[in-house]
């Protein structure tokens, strides 16, 4: 199952990179395929970093629990919002959505561990 997911993801990224290359060749570097590849790359990177940091924090006792599967929900809605805002408002506005979603996930993790709650 993991191999199928990795192969599917690799296929999507390769097709996206190909679309970006064609768009840049035609002089449209800010095209929608380019934005899609950028958004997917941001969210994959965030998933890797959060998984790594959460695992380390659990290992060394900084967190009592880390439910990384819930990040998929945040990432799905965040990526869709990120894409829409970036297409309408530009790269900077899209990055604001990305950073805001990361801060939201941080709040969720802190709430899960009772840091923000009473």
PDB file of N, CA and C in Angstrom:
ATOM      1  N   UNK A   1       0.820  -1.191   0.000  1.00  0.00           N
ATOM      2  CA  UNK A   1       0.000   0.000   0.000  1.00  0.00           C
ATOM      3  C   UNK A   1       0.867   1.261   0.000  1.00  0.00           C
ATOM      4  N   UNK A   2       1.943   1.226   0.794  1.00  0.00           N
ATOM      5  CA  UNK A   2       2.828   2.384   0.856  1.00  0.00           C
ATOM      6  C   UNK A   2       3.524   2.605  -0.477  1.00  0.00           C
ATOM      7  N   UNK A   3       3.917   1.515  -1.127  1.00  0.00           N
ATOM      8  CA  UNK A   3       4.578   1.647  -2.429  1.00  0.00           C
ATOM      9  C   UNK A   3       3.650   2.270  -3.460  1.00  0.00           C
ATOM     10  N   UNK A   4       2.379   1.879  -3.422  1.00  0.00           N
ATOM     11  CA  UNK A   4       1.409   2.442  -4.363  1.00  0.00           C
ATOM     12  C   UNK A   4       1.254   3.934  -4.119  1.00  0.00           C
ATOM     13  N   UNK A   5       1.182   4.329  -2.851  1.00  0.00           N
ATOM     14  CA  UNK A   5       1.051   5.751  -2.517  1.00  0.00           C
ATOM     15  C   UNK A   5       2.279   6.530  -2.961  1.00  0.00           C
ATOM     16  N   UNK A   6       3.459   5.984  -2.724  1.00  0.00           N
ATOM     17  CA  UNK A   6       4.696   6.663  -3.110  1.00  0.00           C
ATOM     18  C   UNK A   6       4.794   6.765  -4.629  1.00  0.00           C
ATOM     19  N   UNK A   7       4.446   5.689  -5.330  1.00  0.00           N
ATOM     20  CA  UNK A   7       4.480   5.735  -6.800  1.00  0.00           C
ATOM     21  C   UNK A   7       3.460   6.724  -7.350  1.00  0.00           C
ATOM     22  N   UNK A   8       2.279   6.770  -6.746  1.00  0.00           N
ATOM     23  CA  UNK A   8       1.267   7.744  -7.163  1.00  0.00           C
ATOM     24  C   UNK A   8       1.730   9.164  -6.938  1.00  0.00           C
ATOM     25  N   UNK A   9       2.314   9.403  -5.791  1.00  0.00           N
ATOM     26  CA  UNK A   9       2.832  10.729  -5.477  1.00  0.00           C
ATOM     27  C   UNK A   9       3.962  11.108  -6.423  1.00  0.00           C
ATOM     28  N   UNK A  10       4.842  10.171  -6.697  1.00  0.00           N
ATOM     29  CA  UNK A  10       5.946  10.431  -7.622  1.00  0.00           C
ATOM     30  C   UNK A  10       5.406  10.757  -9.017  1.00  0.00           C
ATOM     31  N   UNK A  11       4.388  10.030  -9.442  1.00  0.00           N
ATOM     32  CA  UNK A  11       3.799  10.298 -10.759  1.00  0.00           C
ATOM     33  C   UNK A  11       3.188  11.693 -10.819  1.00  0.00           C
ATOM     34  N   UNK A  12       2.483  12.084  -9.757  1.00  0.00           N
ATOM     35  CA  UNK A  12       1.878  13.416  -9.725  1.00  0.00           C
ATOM     36  C   UNK A  12       2.959  14.492  -9.768  1.00  0.00           C
ATOM     37  N   UNK A  13       4.016  14.308  -8.987  1.00  0.00           N
ATOM     38  CA  UNK A  13       5.088  15.300  -8.974  1.00  0.00           C
ATOM     39  C   UNK A  13       5.816  15.367 -10.312  1.00  0.00           C
ATOM     40  N   UNK A  14       6.065  14.217 -10.938  1.00  0.00           N
ATOM     41  CA  UNK A  14       6.751  14.216 -12.232  1.00  0.00           C
ATOM     42  C   UNK A  14       5.888  14.886 -13.292  1.00  0.00           C
ATOM     43  N   UNK A  15       4.589  14.585 -13.298  1.00  0.00           N
ATOM     44  CA  UNK A  15       3.697  15.244 -14.250  1.00  0.00           C
ATOM     45  C   UNK A  15       3.619  16.744 -13.979  1.00  0.00           C
ATOM     46  N   UNK A  16       3.590  17.110 -12.710  1.00  0.00           N
ATOM     47  CA  UNK A  16       3.561  18.532 -12.357  1.00  0.00           C
ATOM     48  C   UNK A  16       4.819  19.253 -12.782  1.00  0.00           C
ATOM     49  N   UNK A  17       5.962  18.622 -12.555  1.00  0.00           N
ATOM     50  CA  UNK A  17       7.228  19.225 -12.961  1.00  0.00           C
ATOM     51  C   UNK A  17       7.286  19.360 -14.477  1.00  0.00           C
ATOM     52  N   UNK A  18       6.779  18.363 -15.182  1.00  0.00           N
ATOM     53  CA  UNK A  18       6.707  18.452 -16.640  1.00  0.00           C
ATOM     54  C   UNK A  18       5.812  19.590 -17.093  1.00  0.00           C
ATOM     55  N   UNK A  19       4.668  19.748 -16.419  1.00  0.00           N
ATOM     56  CA  UNK A  19       3.754  20.845 -16.762  1.00  0.00           C
ATOM     57  C   UNK A  19       4.403  22.192 -16.500  1.00  0.00           C
ATOM     58  N   UNK A  20       5.140  22.297 -15.400  1.00  0.00           N
ATOM     59  CA  UNK A  20       5.834  23.548 -15.082  1.00  0.00           C
ATOM     60  C   UNK A  20       6.901  23.844 -16.130  1.00  0.00           C
ATOM     61  N   UNK A  21       7.639  22.825 -16.535  1.00  0.00           N
ATOM     62  CA  UNK A  21       8.684  23.018 -17.548  1.00  0.00           C
ATOM     63  C   UNK A  21       8.082  23.509 -18.860  1.00  0.00           C
ATOM     64  N   UNK A  22       6.972  22.910 -19.253  1.00  0.00           N
ATOM     65  CA  UNK A  22       6.302  23.346 -20.489  1.00  0.00           C
ATOM     66  C   UNK A  22       5.789  24.773 -20.344  1.00  0.00           C
ATOM     67  N   UNK A  23       5.203  25.087 -19.178  1.00  0.00           N
ATOM     68  CA  UNK A  23       4.680  26.433 -18.953  1.00  0.00           C
ATOM     69  C   UNK A  23       5.801  27.470 -18.994  1.00  0.00           C
ATOM     70  N   UNK A  24       6.929  27.146 -18.401  1.00  0.00           N
ATOM     71  CA  UNK A  24       8.058  28.089 -18.418  1.00  0.00           C
ATOM     72  C   UNK A  24       8.634  28.234 -19.820  1.00  0.00           C
ATOM     73  N   UNK A  25       8.651  27.131 -20.551  1.00  0.00           N
ATOM     74  CA  UNK A  25       9.135  27.194 -21.927  1.00  0.00           C
ATOM     75  C   UNK A  25       8.247  28.105 -22.770  1.00  0.00           C
ATOM     76  N   UNK A  26       6.950  28.076 -22.473  1.00  0.00           N
ATOM     77  CA  UNK A  26       6.003  28.918 -23.210  1.00  0.00           C
ATOM     78  C   UNK A  26       5.907  30.328 -22.628  1.00  0.00           C
ATOM     79  N   UNK A  27       6.651  30.607 -21.561  1.00  0.00           N
ATOM     80  CA  UNK A  27       6.683  31.952 -21.007  1.00  0.00           C
ATOM     81  C   UNK A  27       5.619  32.238 -19.968  1.00  0.00           C
ATOM     82  N   UNK A  28       5.060  31.207 -19.330  1.00  0.00           N
ATOM     83  CA  UNK A  28       3.993  31.399 -18.341  1.00  0.00           C
ATOM     84  C   UNK A  28       4.418  30.760 -17.018  1.00  0.00           C
ATOM     85  N   UNK A  29       5.410  31.350 -16.354  1.00  0.00           N
ATOM     86  CA  UNK A  29       5.944  30.727 -15.145  1.00  0.00           C
ATOM     87  C   UNK A  29       4.966  30.775 -13.970  1.00  0.00           C
ATOM     88  N   UNK A  30       4.010  31.651 -13.970  1.00  0.00           N
ATOM     89  CA  UNK A  30       3.036  31.730 -12.879  1.00  0.00           C
ATOM     90  C   UNK A  30       1.757  30.979 -13.190  1.00  0.00           C
ATOM     91  N   UNK A  31       1.835  29.977 -14.040  1.00  0.00           N
ATOM     92  CA  UNK A  31       0.654  29.246 -14.464  1.00  0.00           C
ATOM     93  C   UNK A  31       0.100  28.387 -13.331  1.00  0.00           C
ATOM     94  N   UNK A  32      -1.119  27.931 -13.503  1.00  0.00           N
ATOM     95  CA  UNK A  32      -1.758  27.110 -12.481  1.00  0.00           C
ATOM     96  C   UNK A  32      -1.021  25.808 -12.195  1.00  0.00           C
ATOM     97  N   UNK A  33      -0.512  25.101 -13.219  1.00  0.00           N
ATOM     98  CA  UNK A  33       0.284  23.904 -12.892  1.00  0.00           C
ATOM     99  C   UNK A  33       1.502  24.236 -12.033  1.00  0.00           C
ATOM    100  N   UNK A  34       2.115  25.378 -12.283  1.00  0.00           N
ATOM    101  CA  UNK A  34       3.255  25.800 -11.482  1.00  0.00           C
ATOM    102  C   UNK A  34       2.841  26.048 -10.041  1.00  0.00           C
ATOM    103  N   UNK A  35       1.698  26.660  -9.849  1.00  0.00           N
ATOM    104  CA  UNK A  35       1.186  26.926  -8.499  1.00  0.00           C
ATOM    105  C   UNK A  35       0.846  25.611  -7.799  1.00  0.00           C
ATOM    106  N   UNK A  36       0.262  24.666  -8.525  1.00  0.00           N
ATOM    107  CA  UNK A  36      -0.086  23.369  -7.923  1.00  0.00           C
ATOM    108  C   UNK A  36       1.172  22.655  -7.427  1.00  0.00           C
ATOM    109  N   UNK A  37       2.205  22.630  -8.255  1.00  0.00           N
ATOM    110  CA  UNK A  37       3.450  21.965  -7.848  1.00  0.00           C
ATOM    111  C   UNK A  37       4.039  22.659  -6.632  1.00  0.00           C
ATOM    112  N   UNK A  38       4.001  23.964  -6.616  1.00  0.00           N
ATOM    113  CA  UNK A  38       4.527  24.724  -5.484  1.00  0.00           C
ATOM    114  C   UNK A  38       3.764  24.420  -4.197  1.00  0.00           C
ATOM    115  N   UNK A  39       2.443  24.401  -4.280  1.00  0.00           N
ATOM    116  CA  UNK A  39       1.611  24.128  -3.100  1.00  0.00           C
ATOM    117  C   UNK A  39       1.835  22.699  -2.604  1.00  0.00           C
ATOM    118  N   UNK A  40       1.879  21.751  -3.513  1.00  0.00           N
ATOM    119  CA  UNK A  40       2.116  20.354  -3.115  1.00  0.00           C
ATOM    120  C   UNK A  40       3.486  20.217  -2.451  1.00  0.00           C
ATOM    121  N   UNK A  41       4.489  20.873  -2.993  1.00  0.00           N
ATOM    122  CA  UNK A  41       5.829  20.811  -2.405  1.00  0.00           C
ATOM    123  C   UNK A  41       5.845  21.412  -1.003  1.00  0.00           C
ATOM    124  N   UNK A  42       5.164  22.532  -0.824  1.00  0.00           N
ATOM    125  CA  UNK A  42       5.092  23.153   0.508  1.00  0.00           C
ATOM    126  C   UNK A  42       4.470  22.191   1.517  1.00  0.00           C
ATOM    127  N   UNK A  43       3.356  21.595   1.155  1.00  0.00           N
ATOM    128  CA  UNK A  43       2.630  20.765   2.109  1.00  0.00           C
ATOM    129  C   UNK A  43       3.318  19.432   2.362  1.00  0.00           C
ATOM    130  N   UNK A  44       3.986  18.877   1.362  1.00  0.00           N
ATOM    131  CA  UNK A  44       4.770  17.663   1.602  1.00  0.00           C
ATOM    132  C   UNK A  44       5.941  17.953   2.536  1.00  0.00           C
ATOM    133  N   UNK A  45       6.576  19.073   2.314  1.00  0.00           N
ATOM    134  CA  UNK A  45       7.661  19.469   3.203  1.00  0.00           C
ATOM    135  C   UNK A  45       7.185  19.679   4.628  1.00  0.00           C
ATOM    136  N   UNK A  46       6.033  20.314   4.772  1.00  0.00           N
ATOM    137  CA  UNK A  46       5.473  20.539   6.115  1.00  0.00           C
ATOM    138  C   UNK A  46       5.142  19.217   6.782  1.00  0.00           C
ATOM    139  N   UNK A  47       4.596  18.266   6.023  1.00  0.00           N
ATOM    140  CA  UNK A  47       4.259  16.951   6.587  1.00  0.00           C
ATOM    141  C   UNK A  47       5.515  16.244   7.088  1.00  0.00           C
ATOM    142  N   UNK A  48       6.581  16.293   6.295  1.00  0.00           N
ATOM    143  CA  UNK A  48       7.836  15.643   6.692  1.00  0.00           C
ATOM    144  C   UNK A  48       8.399  16.296   7.951  1.00  0.00           C
ATOM    145  N   UNK A  49       8.429  17.601   7.978  1.00  0.00           N
ATOM    146  CA  UNK A  49       8.998  18.306   9.137  1.00  0.00           C
ATOM    147  C   UNK A  49       8.162  18.076  10.386  1.00  0.00           C
ATOM    148  N   UNK A  50       6.828  18.165  10.274  1.00  0.00           N
ATOM    149  CA  UNK A  50       5.978  17.940  11.449  1.00  0.00           C
ATOM    150  C   UNK A  50       6.095  16.500  11.942  1.00  0.00           C
ATOM    151  N   UNK A  51       6.162  15.542  11.025  1.00  0.00           N
ATOM    152  CA  UNK A  51       6.304  14.144  11.441  1.00  0.00           C
ATOM    153  C   UNK A  51       7.626  13.923  12.162  1.00  0.00           C
ATOM    154  N   UNK A  52       8.682  14.482  11.627  1.00  0.00           N
ATOM    155  CA  UNK A  52      10.005  14.348  12.238  1.00  0.00           C
ATOM    156  C   UNK A  52      10.039  15.018  13.610  1.00  0.00           C
ATOM    157  N   UNK A  53       9.556  16.258  13.668  1.00  0.00           N
ATOM    158  CA  UNK A  53       9.582  16.995  14.935  1.00  0.00           C
ATOM    159  C   UNK A  53       8.679  16.342  15.970  1.00  0.00           C
ATOM    160  N   UNK A  54       7.499  15.885  15.555  1.00  0.00           N
ATOM    161  CA  UNK A  54       6.597  15.213  16.483  1.00  0.00           C
ATOM    162  C   UNK A  54       7.179  13.919  17.012  1.00  0.00           C
ATOM    163  N   UNK A  55       7.823  13.159  16.142  1.00  0.00           N
ATOM    164  CA  UNK A  55       8.462  11.920  16.569  1.00  0.00           C
ATOM    165  C   UNK A  55       9.596  12.162  17.550  1.00  0.00           C
ATOM    166  N   UNK A  56      10.406  13.170  17.262  1.00  0.00           N
ATOM    167  CA  UNK A  56      11.492  13.509  18.181  1.00  0.00           C
ATOM    168  C   UNK A  56      10.955  13.996  19.525  1.00  0.00           C
ATOM    169  N   UNK A  57       9.925  14.830  19.481  1.00  0.00           N
ATOM    170  CA  UNK A  57       9.355  15.356  20.719  1.00  0.00           C
ATOM    171  C   UNK A  57       8.757  14.232  21.564  1.00  0.00           C
ATOM    172  N   UNK A  58       8.139  13.253  20.916  1.00  0.00           N
ATOM    173  CA  UNK A  58       7.624  12.095  21.655  1.00  0.00           C
ATOM    174  C   UNK A  58       8.757  11.271  22.231  1.00  0.00           C
ATOM    175  N   UNK A  59       9.771  11.038  21.440  1.00  0.00           N
ATOM    176  CA  UNK A  59      10.905  10.204  21.848  1.00  0.00           C
ATOM    177  C   UNK A  59      11.605  10.766  23.073  1.00  0.00           C
ATOM    178  N   UNK A  60      11.749  12.077  23.109  1.00  0.00           N
ATOM    179  CA  UNK A  60      12.478  12.703  24.207  1.00  0.00           C
ATOM    180  C   UNK A  60      11.572  13.274  25.297  1.00  0.00           C
ATOM    181  N   UNK A  61      10.300  12.915  25.268  1.00  0.00           N
ATOM    182  CA  UNK A  61       9.393  13.260  26.351  1.00  0.00           C
ATOM    183  C   UNK A  61       8.892  14.691  26.382  1.00  0.00           C
ATOM    184  N   UNK A  62       9.073  15.420  25.299  1.00  0.00           N
ATOM    185  CA  UNK A  62       8.586  16.797  25.269  1.00  0.00           C
ATOM    186  C   UNK A  62       7.082  16.850  25.034  1.00  0.00           C
ATOM    187  N   UNK A  63       6.553  15.833  24.396  1.00  0.00           N
ATOM    188  CA  UNK A  63       5.114  15.715  24.156  1.00  0.00           C
ATOM    189  C   UNK A  63       4.630  14.396  24.732  1.00  0.00           C
ATOM    190  N   UNK A  64       3.404  14.416  25.231  1.00  0.00           N
ATOM    191  CA  UNK A  64       2.813  13.178  25.727  1.00  0.00           C
ATOM    192  C   UNK A  64       2.145  12.389  24.619  1.00  0.00           C
ATOM    193  N   UNK A  65       1.625  13.101  23.627  1.00  0.00           N
ATOM    194  CA  UNK A  65       0.949  12.462  22.496  1.00  0.00           C
ATOM    195  C   UNK A  65       1.149  13.317  21.254  1.00  0.00           C
ATOM    196  N   UNK A  66       1.199  12.650  20.125  1.00  0.00           N
ATOM    197  CA  UNK A  66       1.269  13.352  18.844  1.00  0.00           C
ATOM    198  C   UNK A  66       0.480  12.531  17.840  1.00  0.00           C
ATOM    199  N   UNK A  67      -0.672  13.039  17.464  1.00  0.00           N
ATOM    200  CA  UNK A  67      -1.545  12.380  16.497  1.00  0.00           C
ATOM    201  C   UNK A  67      -1.308  12.999  15.121  1.00  0.00           C
ATOM    202  N   UNK A  68      -0.281  12.543  14.458  1.00  0.00           N
ATOM    203  CA  UNK A  68       0.105  13.097  13.171  1.00  0.00           C
ATOM    204  C   UNK A  68      -0.895  12.868  12.054  1.00  0.00           C
ATOM    205  N   UNK A  69      -1.783  11.886  12.223  1.00  0.00           N
ATOM    206  CA  UNK A  69      -2.773  11.610  11.179  1.00  0.00           C
ATOM    207  C   UNK A  69      -3.739  12.776  11.000  1.00  0.00           C
ATOM    208  N   UNK A  70      -3.952  13.527  12.061  1.00  0.00           N
ATOM    209  CA  UNK A  70      -4.856  14.682  11.948  1.00  0.00           C
ATOM    210  C   UNK A  70      -4.251  15.791  11.105  1.00  0.00           C
ATOM    211  N   UNK A  71      -2.948  15.753  10.930  1.00  0.00           N
ATOM    212  CA  UNK A  71      -2.309  16.756  10.077  1.00  0.00           C
ATOM    213  C   UNK A  71      -2.816  16.644   8.646  1.00  0.00           C
ATOM    214  N   UNK A  72      -3.197  15.450   8.238  1.00  0.00           N
ATOM    215  CA  UNK A  72      -3.723  15.260   6.877  1.00  0.00           C
ATOM    216  C   UNK A  72      -4.970  16.098   6.654  1.00  0.00           C
ATOM    217  N   UNK A  73      -5.816  16.212   7.670  1.00  0.00           N
ATOM    218  CA  UNK A  73      -7.032  17.021   7.549  1.00  0.00           C
ATOM    219  C   UNK A  73      -6.661  18.495   7.409  1.00  0.00           C
ATOM    220  N   UNK A  74      -5.779  18.950   8.279  1.00  0.00           N
ATOM    221  CA  UNK A  74      -5.330  20.341   8.212  1.00  0.00           C
ATOM    222  C   UNK A  74      -4.655  20.607   6.870  1.00  0.00           C
ATOM    223  N   UNK A  75      -3.816  19.673   6.426  1.00  0.00           N
ATOM    224  CA  UNK A  75      -3.093  19.842   5.165  1.00  0.00           C
ATOM    225  C   UNK A  75      -4.034  19.877   3.968  1.00  0.00           C
ATOM    226  N   UNK A  76      -5.057  19.049   3.972  1.00  0.00           N
ATOM    227  CA  UNK A  76      -5.990  19.038   2.844  1.00  0.00           C
ATOM    228  C   UNK A  76      -6.703  20.374   2.700  1.00  0.00           C
ATOM    229  N   UNK A  77      -7.310  20.827   3.788  1.00  0.00           N
ATOM    230  CA  UNK A  77      -8.016  22.111   3.728  1.00  0.00           C
ATOM    231  C   UNK A  77      -7.043  23.269   3.544  1.00  0.00           C
ATOM    232  N   UNK A  78      -5.873  23.172   4.176  1.00  0.00           N
ATOM    233  CA  UNK A  78      -4.881  24.218   4.026  1.00  0.00           C
ATOM    234  C   UNK A  78      -4.347  24.313   2.611  1.00  0.00           C
ATOM    235  N   UNK A  79      -4.106  23.175   1.980  1.00  0.00           N
ATOM    236  CA  UNK A  79      -3.573  23.186   0.612  1.00  0.00           C
ATOM    237  C   UNK A  79      -4.581  23.758  -0.376  1.00  0.00           C
ATOM    238  N   UNK A  80      -5.847  23.388  -0.221  1.00  0.00           N
ATOM    239  CA  UNK A  80      -6.876  23.938  -1.110  1.00  0.00           C
ATOM    240  C   UNK A  80      -6.973  25.450  -0.932  1.00  0.00           C
ATOM    241  N   UNK A  81      -6.981  25.893   0.322  1.00  0.00           N
ATOM    242  CA  UNK A  81      -7.047  27.333   0.597  1.00  0.00           C
ATOM    243  C   UNK A  81      -5.794  28.034   0.090  1.00  0.00           C
ATOM    244  N   UNK A  82      -4.655  27.426   0.326  1.00  0.00           N
ATOM    245  CA  UNK A  82      -3.367  27.969  -0.117  1.00  0.00           C
ATOM    246  C   UNK A  82      -3.383  28.168  -1.639  1.00  0.00           C
ATOM    247  N   UNK A  83      -3.827  27.155  -2.364  1.00  0.00           N
ATOM    248  CA  UNK A  83      -3.877  27.237  -3.825  1.00  0.00           C
ATOM    249  C   UNK A  83      -4.815  28.356  -4.290  1.00  0.00           C
ATOM    250  N   UNK A  84      -6.018  28.373  -3.729  1.00  0.00           N
ATOM    251  CA  UNK A  84      -6.996  29.382  -4.160  1.00  0.00           C
ATOM    252  C   UNK A  84      -6.511  30.800  -3.891  1.00  0.00           C
ATOM    253  N   UNK A  85      -5.960  31.016  -2.715  1.00  0.00           N
ATOM    254  CA  UNK A  85      -5.486  32.354  -2.369  1.00  0.00           C
ATOM    255  C   UNK A  85      -4.291  32.733  -3.225  1.00  0.00           C
ATOM    256  N   UNK A  86      -3.396  31.795  -3.477  1.00  0.00           N
ATOM    257  CA  UNK A  86      -2.221  32.110  -4.284  1.00  0.00           C
ATOM    258  C   UNK A  86      -2.601  32.427  -5.723  1.00  0.00           C
ATOM    259  N   UNK A  87      -3.598  31.742  -6.272  1.00  0.00           N
ATOM    260  CA  UNK A  87      -4.028  32.032  -7.648  1.00  0.00           C
ATOM    261  C   UNK A  87      -4.664  33.416  -7.717  1.00  0.00           C
ATOM    262  N   UNK A  88      -5.461  33.772  -6.707  1.00  0.00           N
ATOM    263  CA  UNK A  88      -6.155  35.064  -6.721  1.00  0.00           C
ATOM    264  C   UNK A  88      -5.297  36.226  -6.255  1.00  0.00           C
ATOM    265  N   UNK A  89      -4.499  36.004  -5.194  1.00  0.00           N
ATOM    266  CA  UNK A  89      -3.810  37.129  -4.575  1.00  0.00           C
ATOM    267  C   UNK A  89      -2.314  37.157  -4.721  1.00  0.00           C
ATOM    268  N   UNK A  90      -1.730  36.122  -5.265  1.00  0.00           N
ATOM    269  CA  UNK A  90      -0.287  36.104  -5.437  1.00  0.00           C
ATOM    270  C   UNK A  90       0.410  35.211  -4.421  1.00  0.00           C
ATOM    271  N   UNK A  91       1.706  35.071  -4.640  1.00  0.00           N
ATOM    272  CA  UNK A  91       2.512  34.152  -3.834  1.00  0.00           C
ATOM    273  C   UNK A  91       2.542  34.537  -2.359  1.00  0.00           C
ATOM    274  N   UNK A  92       2.696  35.815  -2.067  1.00  0.00           N
ATOM    275  CA  UNK A  92       2.807  36.256  -0.677  1.00  0.00           C
ATOM    276  C   UNK A  92       1.534  35.949   0.098  1.00  0.00           C
ATOM    277  N   UNK A  93       0.401  36.176  -0.513  1.00  0.00           N
ATOM    278  CA  UNK A  93      -0.876  35.888   0.152  1.00  0.00           C
ATOM    279  C   UNK A  93      -1.046  34.391   0.380  1.00  0.00           C
ATOM    280  N   UNK A  94      -0.615  33.591  -0.591  1.00  0.00           N
ATOM    281  CA  UNK A  94      -0.678  32.144  -0.430  1.00  0.00           C
ATOM    282  C   UNK A  94       0.206  31.663   0.705  1.00  0.00           C
ATOM    283  N   UNK A  95       1.386  32.262   0.839  1.00  0.00           N
ATOM    284  CA  UNK A  95       2.281  31.884   1.925  1.00  0.00           C
ATOM    285  C   UNK A  95       1.712  32.274   3.289  1.00  0.00           C
ATOM    286  N   UNK A  96       0.935  33.350   3.348  1.00  0.00           N
ATOM    287  CA  UNK A  96       0.271  33.713   4.601  1.00  0.00           C
ATOM    288  C   UNK A  96      -0.694  32.613   5.036  1.00  0.00           C
ATOM    289  N   UNK A  97      -1.413  32.051   4.083  1.00  0.00           N
ATOM    290  CA  UNK A  97      -2.327  30.945   4.395  1.00  0.00           C
ATOM    291  C   UNK A  97      -1.529  29.736   4.868  1.00  0.00           C
ATOM    292  N   UNK A  98      -0.428  29.448   4.206  1.00  0.00           N
ATOM    293  CA  UNK A  98       0.412  28.310   4.580  1.00  0.00           C
ATOM    294  C   UNK A  98       0.936  28.452   6.006  1.00  0.00           C
ATOM    295  N   UNK A  99       1.477  29.599   6.323  1.00  0.00           N
ATOM    296  CA  UNK A  99       2.016  29.834   7.666  1.00  0.00           C
ATOM    297  C   UNK A  99       0.899  29.810   8.702  1.00  0.00           C
ATOM    298  N   UNK A 100      -0.245  30.396   8.366  1.00  0.00           N
ATOM    299  CA  UNK A 100      -1.385  30.371   9.288  1.00  0.00           C
ATOM    300  C   UNK A 100      -1.843  28.951   9.594  1.00  0.00           C
ATOM    301  N   UNK A 101      -1.850  28.098   8.585  1.00  0.00           N
ATOM    302  CA  UNK A 101      -2.253  26.705   8.805  1.00  0.00           C
ATOM    303  C   UNK A 101      -1.225  25.972   9.668  1.00  0.00           C
ATOM    304  N   UNK A 102       0.053  26.306   9.511  1.00  0.00           N
ATOM    305  CA  UNK A 102       1.082  25.688  10.351  1.00  0.00           C
ATOM    306  C   UNK A 102       0.910  26.108  11.808  1.00  0.00           C
ATOM    307  N   UNK A 103       0.581  27.377  12.022  1.00  0.00           N
ATOM    308  CA  UNK A 103       0.330  27.852  13.388  1.00  0.00           C
ATOM    309  C   UNK A 103      -0.919  27.199  13.976  1.00  0.00           C
ATOM    310  N   UNK A 104      -1.924  26.989  13.142  1.00  0.00           N
ATOM    311  CA  UNK A 104      -3.124  26.283  13.594  1.00  0.00           C
ATOM    312  C   UNK A 104      -2.771  24.869  14.036  1.00  0.00           C
ATOM    313  N   UNK A 105      -1.928  24.181  13.270  1.00  0.00           N
ATOM    314  CA  UNK A 105      -1.524  22.822  13.642  1.00  0.00           C
ATOM    315  C   UNK A 105      -0.731  22.834  14.952  1.00  0.00           C
ATOM    316  N   UNK A 106       0.110  23.837  15.132  1.00  0.00           N
ATOM    317  CA  UNK A 106       0.857  23.955  16.387  1.00  0.00           C
ATOM    318  C   UNK A 106      -0.103  24.096  17.569  1.00  0.00           C
ATOM    319  N   UNK A 107      -1.142  24.900  17.408  1.00  0.00           N
ATOM    320  CA  UNK A 107      -2.142  25.060  18.467  1.00  0.00           C
ATOM    321  C   UNK A 107      -2.847  23.732  18.739  1.00  0.00           C
ATOM    322  N   UNK A 108      -3.181  22.976  17.687  1.00  0.00           N
ATOM    323  CA  UNK A 108      -3.825  21.666  17.867  1.00  0.00           C
ATOM    324  C   UNK A 108      -2.917  20.734  18.641  1.00  0.00           C
ATOM    325  N   UNK A 109      -1.642  20.686  18.309  1.00  0.00           N
ATOM    326  CA  UNK A 109      -0.694  19.809  19.008  1.00  0.00           C
ATOM    327  C   UNK A 109      -0.577  20.224  20.474  1.00  0.00           C
ATOM    328  N   UNK A 110      -0.498  21.513  20.714  1.00  0.00           N
ATOM    329  CA  UNK A 110      -0.396  21.993  22.096  1.00  0.00           C
ATOM    330  C   UNK A 110      -1.665  21.682  22.888  1.00  0.00           C
ATOM    331  N   UNK A 111      -2.816  21.803  22.248  1.00  0.00           N
ATOM    332  CA  UNK A 111      -4.078  21.460  22.922  1.00  0.00           C
ATOM    333  C   UNK A 111      -4.150  19.964  23.224  1.00  0.00           C
ATOM    334  N   UNK A 112      -3.677  19.124  22.303  1.00  0.00           N
ATOM    335  CA  UNK A 112      -3.657  17.685  22.514  1.00  0.00           C
ATOM    336  C   UNK A 112      -2.824  17.306  23.740  1.00  0.00           C
ATOM    337  N   UNK A 113      -1.819  18.087  24.003  1.00  0.00           N
ATOM    338  CA  UNK A 113      -0.907  17.782  25.108  1.00  0.00           C
ATOM    339  C   UNK A 113      -1.187  18.601  26.365  1.00  0.00           C
ATOM    340  N   UNK A 114      -2.286  19.347  26.365  1.00  0.00           N
ATOM    341  CA  UNK A 114      -2.691  20.070  27.553  1.00  0.00           C
ATOM    342  C   UNK A 114      -1.860  21.291  27.884  1.00  0.00           C
ATOM    343  N   UNK A 115      -1.081  21.772  26.939  1.00  0.00           N
ATOM    344  CA  UNK A 115      -0.243  22.932  27.202  1.00  0.00           C
ATOM    345  C   UNK A 115      -1.084  24.208  27.243  1.00  0.00           C
ATOM    346  N   UNK A 116      -2.046  24.333  26.343  1.00  0.00           N
ATOM    347  CA  UNK A 116      -2.884  25.520  26.303  1.00  0.00           C
ATOM    348  C   UNK A 116      -4.154  25.402  27.123  1.00  0.00           C
ATOM    349  N   UNK A 117      -4.542  24.177  27.430  1.00  0.00           N
ATOM    350  CA  UNK A 117      -5.758  23.967  28.209  1.00  0.00           C
ATOM    351  C   UNK A 117      -5.484  24.040  29.698  1.00  0.00           C
ATOM    352  N   UNK A 118      -6.563  24.035  30.476  1.00  0.00           N
ATOM    353  CA  UNK A 118      -6.356  24.104  31.936  1.00  0.00           C
ATOM    354  C   UNK A 118      -6.410  22.742  32.580  1.00  0.00           C
TER     355      UNK A 118
END
